[in-house]
């Protein structure tokens, strides 16, 4: 005599399997969310740096367009505001001009703050008579 084979009519997931799957999915999504957050932060940092490079280049081009005698020796400080992602960022511009004979050295240093860190970009050039 053979015993009858009973097949379970319950097909699907148990509650524990469902909870384990949800925990794994949540951990994966949180990791993905953190990766997006890091990418956005680095992107903003790069945009702020690009804006600082443009500020430095504009200041340097303004000085280079002057004649040799119009460029005044000394240190000049200014704060320039720029709109980056609908957010106003302040850039401190420190410009130094020194004369050595018939040559002037022009240094422009742009400094800015982001998330408690200080960054700077420097551009230098020489102008001769």
N, C-alpha and C. Protein backbone atom coordinates (compact mmCIF):
# COMPACT_ATOMS: atom_id res chain seq x y z
N UNK A 1 0.83 -1.16 0.00
CA UNK A 1 0.00 0.00 0.00
C UNK A 1 0.89 1.24 0.00
N UNK A 2 0.58 2.15 -0.85
CA UNK A 2 1.36 3.38 -0.96
C UNK A 2 0.65 4.50 -0.23
N UNK A 3 1.47 5.31 0.34
CA UNK A 3 0.92 6.45 1.08
C UNK A 3 0.61 7.58 0.09
N UNK A 4 -0.46 8.26 0.30
CA UNK A 4 -0.78 9.36 -0.61
C UNK A 4 0.19 10.54 -0.40
N UNK A 5 0.54 11.19 -1.48
CA UNK A 5 1.42 12.35 -1.41
C UNK A 5 0.54 13.59 -1.34
N UNK A 6 0.80 14.34 -0.29
CA UNK A 6 0.03 15.57 -0.12
C UNK A 6 0.85 16.74 -0.63
N UNK A 7 0.26 17.49 -1.47
CA UNK A 7 0.93 18.70 -1.96
C UNK A 7 0.32 19.90 -1.28
N UNK A 8 1.20 20.78 -0.91
CA UNK A 8 0.74 21.98 -0.22
C UNK A 8 0.14 22.95 -1.24
N UNK A 9 -0.98 23.48 -0.89
CA UNK A 9 -1.62 24.46 -1.76
C UNK A 9 -1.13 25.88 -1.42
N UNK A 10 -0.30 26.00 -0.40
CA UNK A 10 0.22 27.31 0.00
C UNK A 10 1.44 27.64 -0.84
N UNK A 11 1.28 28.52 -1.78
CA UNK A 11 2.40 28.95 -2.60
C UNK A 11 2.64 30.42 -2.31
N UNK A 12 3.90 30.80 -2.22
CA UNK A 12 4.23 32.19 -1.96
C UNK A 12 5.28 32.30 -0.88
N UNK A 13 5.37 33.51 -0.32
CA UNK A 13 6.39 33.81 0.68
C UNK A 13 5.80 33.72 2.07
N UNK A 14 6.66 33.34 3.01
CA UNK A 14 6.25 33.42 4.41
C UNK A 14 6.52 34.84 4.89
N UNK A 15 6.00 35.16 6.03
CA UNK A 15 6.19 36.50 6.58
C UNK A 15 7.66 36.78 6.87
N UNK A 16 8.39 35.83 7.34
CA UNK A 16 9.81 36.02 7.64
C UNK A 16 10.59 36.25 6.35
N UNK A 17 10.30 35.51 5.30
CA UNK A 17 10.97 35.72 4.02
C UNK A 17 10.70 37.12 3.48
N UNK A 18 9.48 37.57 3.64
CA UNK A 18 9.12 38.91 3.19
C UNK A 18 9.88 39.97 3.98
N UNK A 19 9.98 39.81 5.30
CA UNK A 19 10.70 40.78 6.13
C UNK A 19 12.19 40.80 5.80
N UNK A 20 12.79 39.63 5.58
CA UNK A 20 14.20 39.58 5.21
C UNK A 20 14.42 40.28 3.87
N UNK A 21 13.57 40.03 2.93
CA UNK A 21 13.69 40.67 1.61
C UNK A 21 13.55 42.19 1.74
N UNK A 22 12.64 42.65 2.59
CA UNK A 22 12.45 44.09 2.78
C UNK A 22 13.68 44.72 3.43
N UNK A 23 14.27 44.06 4.41
CA UNK A 23 15.48 44.59 5.06
C UNK A 23 16.62 44.69 4.06
N UNK A 24 16.80 43.67 3.24
CA UNK A 24 17.87 43.71 2.23
C UNK A 24 17.62 44.84 1.24
N UNK A 25 16.38 45.02 0.83
CA UNK A 25 16.05 46.08 -0.11
C UNK A 25 16.26 47.47 0.51
N UNK A 26 15.91 47.64 1.77
CA UNK A 26 16.09 48.93 2.45
C UNK A 26 17.56 49.26 2.59
N UNK A 27 18.39 48.28 2.95
CA UNK A 27 19.83 48.52 3.07
C UNK A 27 20.40 48.93 1.71
N UNK A 28 20.00 48.27 0.65
CA UNK A 28 20.46 48.63 -0.68
C UNK A 28 20.02 50.03 -1.09
N UNK A 29 18.79 50.39 -0.81
CA UNK A 29 18.30 51.73 -1.15
C UNK A 29 18.99 52.82 -0.33
N UNK A 30 19.27 52.54 0.93
CA UNK A 30 19.99 53.53 1.75
C UNK A 30 21.41 53.75 1.22
N UNK A 31 22.05 52.66 0.78
CA UNK A 31 23.37 52.80 0.17
C UNK A 31 23.32 53.62 -1.10
N UNK A 32 22.31 53.39 -1.91
CA UNK A 32 22.12 54.15 -3.14
C UNK A 32 21.85 55.62 -2.84
N UNK A 33 21.05 55.89 -1.83
CA UNK A 33 20.76 57.27 -1.43
C UNK A 33 22.02 57.98 -0.97
N UNK A 34 22.86 57.28 -0.21
CA UNK A 34 24.12 57.88 0.25
C UNK A 34 25.04 58.17 -0.93
N UNK A 35 25.07 57.29 -1.91
CA UNK A 35 25.90 57.52 -3.10
C UNK A 35 25.42 58.76 -3.86
N UNK A 36 24.12 58.94 -3.97
CA UNK A 36 23.57 60.13 -4.63
C UNK A 36 23.94 61.38 -3.85
N UNK A 37 23.86 61.31 -2.53
CA UNK A 37 24.21 62.45 -1.69
C UNK A 37 25.68 62.85 -1.87
N UNK A 38 26.57 61.88 -1.91
CA UNK A 38 27.99 62.16 -2.11
C UNK A 38 28.23 62.75 -3.49
N UNK A 39 27.56 62.23 -4.50
CA UNK A 39 27.73 62.74 -5.86
C UNK A 39 27.26 64.20 -5.96
N UNK A 40 26.14 64.52 -5.35
CA UNK A 40 25.63 65.90 -5.38
C UNK A 40 26.59 66.84 -4.65
N UNK A 41 27.13 66.40 -3.54
CA UNK A 41 28.08 67.22 -2.78
C UNK A 41 29.35 67.50 -3.58
N UNK A 42 29.90 66.48 -4.21
CA UNK A 42 31.11 66.67 -5.03
C UNK A 42 30.82 67.55 -6.24
N UNK A 43 29.65 67.41 -6.81
CA UNK A 43 29.27 68.24 -7.94
C UNK A 43 29.20 69.71 -7.53
N UNK A 44 28.62 69.99 -6.37
CA UNK A 44 28.55 71.37 -5.88
C UNK A 44 29.94 71.92 -5.61
N UNK A 45 30.80 71.11 -5.01
CA UNK A 45 32.17 71.55 -4.74
C UNK A 45 32.88 71.91 -6.04
N UNK A 46 32.69 71.11 -7.08
CA UNK A 46 33.31 71.40 -8.37
C UNK A 46 32.73 72.65 -9.01
N UNK A 47 31.44 72.88 -8.87
CA UNK A 47 30.84 74.10 -9.43
C UNK A 47 31.36 75.34 -8.70
N UNK A 48 31.52 75.25 -7.39
CA UNK A 48 32.07 76.38 -6.64
C UNK A 48 33.51 76.67 -7.06
N UNK A 49 34.30 75.61 -7.29
CA UNK A 49 35.67 75.79 -7.74
C UNK A 49 35.71 76.40 -9.13
N UNK A 50 34.85 75.93 -10.03
CA UNK A 50 34.81 76.50 -11.39
C UNK A 50 34.46 77.98 -11.36
N UNK A 51 33.54 78.35 -10.48
CA UNK A 51 33.16 79.76 -10.35
C UNK A 51 34.33 80.58 -9.81
N UNK A 52 35.09 80.01 -8.87
CA UNK A 52 36.26 80.70 -8.34
C UNK A 52 37.32 80.90 -9.42
N UNK A 53 37.50 79.91 -10.28
CA UNK A 53 38.45 80.04 -11.38
C UNK A 53 38.01 81.17 -12.31
N UNK A 54 36.72 81.27 -12.58
CA UNK A 54 36.22 82.35 -13.44
C UNK A 54 36.43 83.72 -12.79
N UNK A 55 36.20 83.80 -11.48
CA UNK A 55 36.43 85.07 -10.76
C UNK A 55 37.90 85.47 -10.86
N UNK A 56 38.79 84.52 -10.63
CA UNK A 56 40.23 84.82 -10.69
C UNK A 56 40.65 85.25 -12.10
N UNK A 57 40.14 84.56 -13.11
CA UNK A 57 40.49 84.90 -14.48
C UNK A 57 39.95 86.28 -14.87
N UNK A 58 38.75 86.63 -14.42
CA UNK A 58 38.21 87.95 -14.72
C UNK A 58 39.04 89.04 -14.06
N UNK A 59 39.43 88.83 -12.81
CA UNK A 59 40.27 89.81 -12.12
C UNK A 59 41.62 89.95 -12.81
N UNK A 60 42.20 88.82 -13.20
CA UNK A 60 43.50 88.85 -13.86
C UNK A 60 43.40 89.53 -15.23
N UNK A 61 42.36 89.24 -15.98
CA UNK A 61 42.19 89.87 -17.30
C UNK A 61 41.97 91.37 -17.17
N UNK A 62 41.28 91.79 -16.12
CA UNK A 62 41.09 93.23 -15.89
C UNK A 62 42.43 93.92 -15.63
N UNK A 63 43.29 93.28 -14.87
CA UNK A 63 44.61 93.86 -14.58
C UNK A 63 45.51 93.84 -15.82
N UNK A 64 45.47 92.74 -16.56
CA UNK A 64 46.33 92.63 -17.74
C UNK A 64 45.92 93.59 -18.84
N UNK A 65 44.66 94.02 -18.85
CA UNK A 65 44.20 94.95 -19.89
C UNK A 65 44.68 96.38 -19.63
N UNK A 66 45.13 96.65 -18.40
CA UNK A 66 45.64 97.99 -18.08
C UNK A 66 47.06 98.15 -18.63
N UNK A 67 47.44 99.39 -18.86
CA UNK A 67 48.82 99.65 -19.28
C UNK A 67 49.75 99.44 -18.08
N UNK A 68 51.03 99.28 -18.37
CA UNK A 68 52.01 98.97 -17.32
C UNK A 68 51.99 100.02 -16.20
N UNK A 69 51.93 101.29 -16.57
CA UNK A 69 51.97 102.36 -15.56
C UNK A 69 50.67 102.48 -14.77
N UNK A 70 49.57 101.96 -15.28
CA UNK A 70 48.28 102.05 -14.58
C UNK A 70 48.12 100.97 -13.50
N UNK A 71 48.93 99.94 -13.56
CA UNK A 71 48.87 98.87 -12.56
C UNK A 71 49.59 99.35 -11.31
N UNK A 72 48.86 99.42 -10.21
CA UNK A 72 49.38 100.00 -8.97
C UNK A 72 49.90 98.89 -8.06
N UNK A 73 51.11 99.11 -7.52
CA UNK A 73 51.68 98.15 -6.58
C UNK A 73 50.87 98.13 -5.29
N UNK A 74 50.87 96.97 -4.63
CA UNK A 74 50.21 96.86 -3.34
C UNK A 74 49.27 95.67 -3.29
N UNK A 75 48.49 95.66 -2.22
CA UNK A 75 47.55 94.56 -1.98
C UNK A 75 46.14 95.12 -2.03
N UNK A 76 45.27 94.44 -2.77
CA UNK A 76 43.87 94.83 -2.87
C UNK A 76 43.01 93.65 -2.43
N UNK A 77 42.06 93.91 -1.55
CA UNK A 77 41.13 92.88 -1.10
C UNK A 77 39.72 93.25 -1.51
N UNK A 78 38.96 92.26 -1.91
CA UNK A 78 37.56 92.49 -2.29
C UNK A 78 36.77 91.21 -2.03
N UNK A 79 35.46 91.38 -1.92
CA UNK A 79 34.56 90.23 -1.80
C UNK A 79 33.61 90.30 -3.00
N UNK A 80 33.56 89.21 -3.73
CA UNK A 80 32.70 89.13 -4.91
C UNK A 80 31.65 88.05 -4.66
N UNK A 81 30.40 88.40 -4.89
CA UNK A 81 29.31 87.44 -4.71
C UNK A 81 28.91 86.87 -6.06
N UNK A 82 28.72 85.56 -6.09
CA UNK A 82 28.28 84.89 -7.30
C UNK A 82 27.13 83.95 -6.98
N UNK A 83 26.25 83.79 -7.94
CA UNK A 83 25.09 82.91 -7.78
C UNK A 83 25.44 81.52 -8.32
N UNK A 84 25.47 80.54 -7.44
CA UNK A 84 25.74 79.15 -7.83
C UNK A 84 24.57 78.30 -7.36
N UNK A 85 23.81 77.74 -8.30
CA UNK A 85 22.63 76.93 -7.99
C UNK A 85 21.62 77.71 -7.14
N UNK A 86 21.35 78.92 -7.52
CA UNK A 86 20.41 79.79 -6.79
C UNK A 86 20.83 80.00 -5.35
N UNK A 87 22.11 80.01 -5.11
CA UNK A 87 22.69 80.21 -3.78
C UNK A 87 23.82 81.21 -3.94
N UNK A 88 23.83 82.23 -3.10
CA UNK A 88 24.86 83.27 -3.19
C UNK A 88 26.10 82.80 -2.45
N UNK A 89 27.22 82.74 -3.16
CA UNK A 89 28.50 82.35 -2.57
C UNK A 89 29.42 83.56 -2.57
N UNK A 90 30.09 83.80 -1.45
CA UNK A 90 31.04 84.90 -1.34
C UNK A 90 32.45 84.40 -1.63
N UNK A 91 33.13 85.08 -2.54
CA UNK A 91 34.51 84.77 -2.87
C UNK A 91 35.38 85.95 -2.44
N UNK A 92 36.38 85.69 -1.61
CA UNK A 92 37.33 86.73 -1.20
C UNK A 92 38.46 86.76 -2.22
N UNK A 93 38.71 87.94 -2.77
CA UNK A 93 39.74 88.11 -3.78
C UNK A 93 40.86 88.95 -3.19
N UNK A 94 42.07 88.40 -3.17
CA UNK A 94 43.26 89.09 -2.67
C UNK A 94 44.21 89.24 -3.84
N UNK A 95 44.46 90.48 -4.22
CA UNK A 95 45.31 90.76 -5.37
C UNK A 95 46.57 91.46 -4.91
N UNK A 96 47.73 90.95 -5.33
CA UNK A 96 49.01 91.52 -4.95
C UNK A 96 49.80 91.86 -6.21
N UNK A 97 50.33 93.12 -6.26
CA UNK A 97 51.14 93.56 -7.38
C UNK A 97 52.48 94.02 -6.83
N UNK A 98 53.56 93.47 -7.38
CA UNK A 98 54.91 93.89 -7.00
C UNK A 98 55.69 94.22 -8.27
N UNK A 99 56.58 95.22 -8.16
CA UNK A 99 57.38 95.65 -9.30
C UNK A 99 58.84 95.31 -9.05
N UNK A 100 59.45 94.73 -10.07
CA UNK A 100 60.89 94.46 -10.05
C UNK A 100 61.46 94.95 -11.37
N UNK A 101 61.98 96.16 -11.35
CA UNK A 101 62.53 96.74 -12.58
C UNK A 101 61.43 97.07 -13.56
N UNK A 102 61.51 96.50 -14.74
CA UNK A 102 60.52 96.75 -15.79
C UNK A 102 59.45 95.67 -15.85
N UNK A 103 59.32 94.88 -14.79
CA UNK A 103 58.35 93.79 -14.76
C UNK A 103 57.50 93.88 -13.49
N UNK A 104 56.21 93.67 -13.68
CA UNK A 104 55.30 93.62 -12.53
C UNK A 104 54.76 92.21 -12.41
N UNK A 105 54.73 91.72 -11.18
CA UNK A 105 54.16 90.41 -10.89
C UNK A 105 52.77 90.62 -10.32
N UNK A 106 51.78 90.00 -10.92
CA UNK A 106 50.39 90.12 -10.46
C UNK A 106 49.94 88.75 -9.97
N UNK A 107 49.52 88.70 -8.71
CA UNK A 107 48.99 87.47 -8.11
C UNK A 107 47.56 87.72 -7.68
N UNK A 108 46.67 86.82 -8.06
CA UNK A 108 45.27 86.89 -7.64
C UNK A 108 44.95 85.59 -6.92
N UNK A 109 44.50 85.71 -5.67
CA UNK A 109 44.12 84.54 -4.87
C UNK A 109 42.64 84.67 -4.53
N UNK A 110 41.87 83.67 -4.91
CA UNK A 110 40.43 83.63 -4.62
C UNK A 110 40.20 82.56 -3.56
N UNK A 111 39.52 82.95 -2.46
CA UNK A 111 39.26 82.04 -1.35
C UNK A 111 37.76 81.95 -1.12
N UNK A 112 37.29 80.73 -0.80
CA UNK A 112 35.87 80.53 -0.49
C UNK A 112 35.73 79.41 0.52
N UNK A 113 34.56 79.36 1.16
CA UNK A 113 34.26 78.36 2.18
C UNK A 113 33.14 77.45 1.68
N UNK A 114 33.25 76.16 2.02
CA UNK A 114 32.18 75.21 1.71
C UNK A 114 32.20 74.10 2.75
N UNK A 115 31.10 73.94 3.45
CA UNK A 115 30.95 72.92 4.48
C UNK A 115 32.07 72.95 5.51
N UNK A 116 32.43 74.15 5.93
CA UNK A 116 33.44 74.32 6.97
C UNK A 116 34.87 74.20 6.49
N UNK A 117 35.08 73.95 5.21
CA UNK A 117 36.43 73.85 4.66
C UNK A 117 36.74 75.09 3.85
N UNK A 118 37.99 75.52 3.90
CA UNK A 118 38.43 76.68 3.14
C UNK A 118 39.18 76.20 1.90
N UNK A 119 38.84 76.79 0.76
CA UNK A 119 39.48 76.45 -0.50
C UNK A 119 40.05 77.72 -1.10
N UNK A 120 41.07 77.56 -1.95
CA UNK A 120 41.58 78.73 -2.65
C UNK A 120 42.15 78.35 -4.01
N UNK A 121 42.13 79.36 -4.89
CA UNK A 121 42.66 79.22 -6.25
C UNK A 121 43.54 80.42 -6.51
N UNK A 122 44.74 80.18 -7.07
CA UNK A 122 45.69 81.28 -7.29
C UNK A 122 46.07 81.34 -8.77
N UNK A 123 46.14 82.58 -9.28
CA UNK A 123 46.57 82.83 -10.65
C UNK A 123 47.67 83.88 -10.59
N UNK A 124 48.76 83.67 -11.34
CA UNK A 124 49.87 84.62 -11.36
C UNK A 124 50.25 84.92 -12.81
N UNK A 125 50.76 86.14 -13.02
CA UNK A 125 51.25 86.51 -14.34
C UNK A 125 52.30 87.61 -14.18
N UNK A 126 53.04 87.84 -15.25
CA UNK A 126 54.02 88.91 -15.32
C UNK A 126 53.60 89.87 -16.40
N UNK A 127 53.84 91.17 -16.15
CA UNK A 127 53.58 92.20 -17.18
C UNK A 127 54.82 93.07 -17.28
N UNK A 128 55.30 93.23 -18.50
CA UNK A 128 56.52 94.01 -18.72
C UNK A 128 56.19 95.26 -19.53
N UNK A 129 57.12 96.24 -19.45
CA UNK A 129 56.94 97.48 -20.22
C UNK A 129 57.06 97.21 -21.68
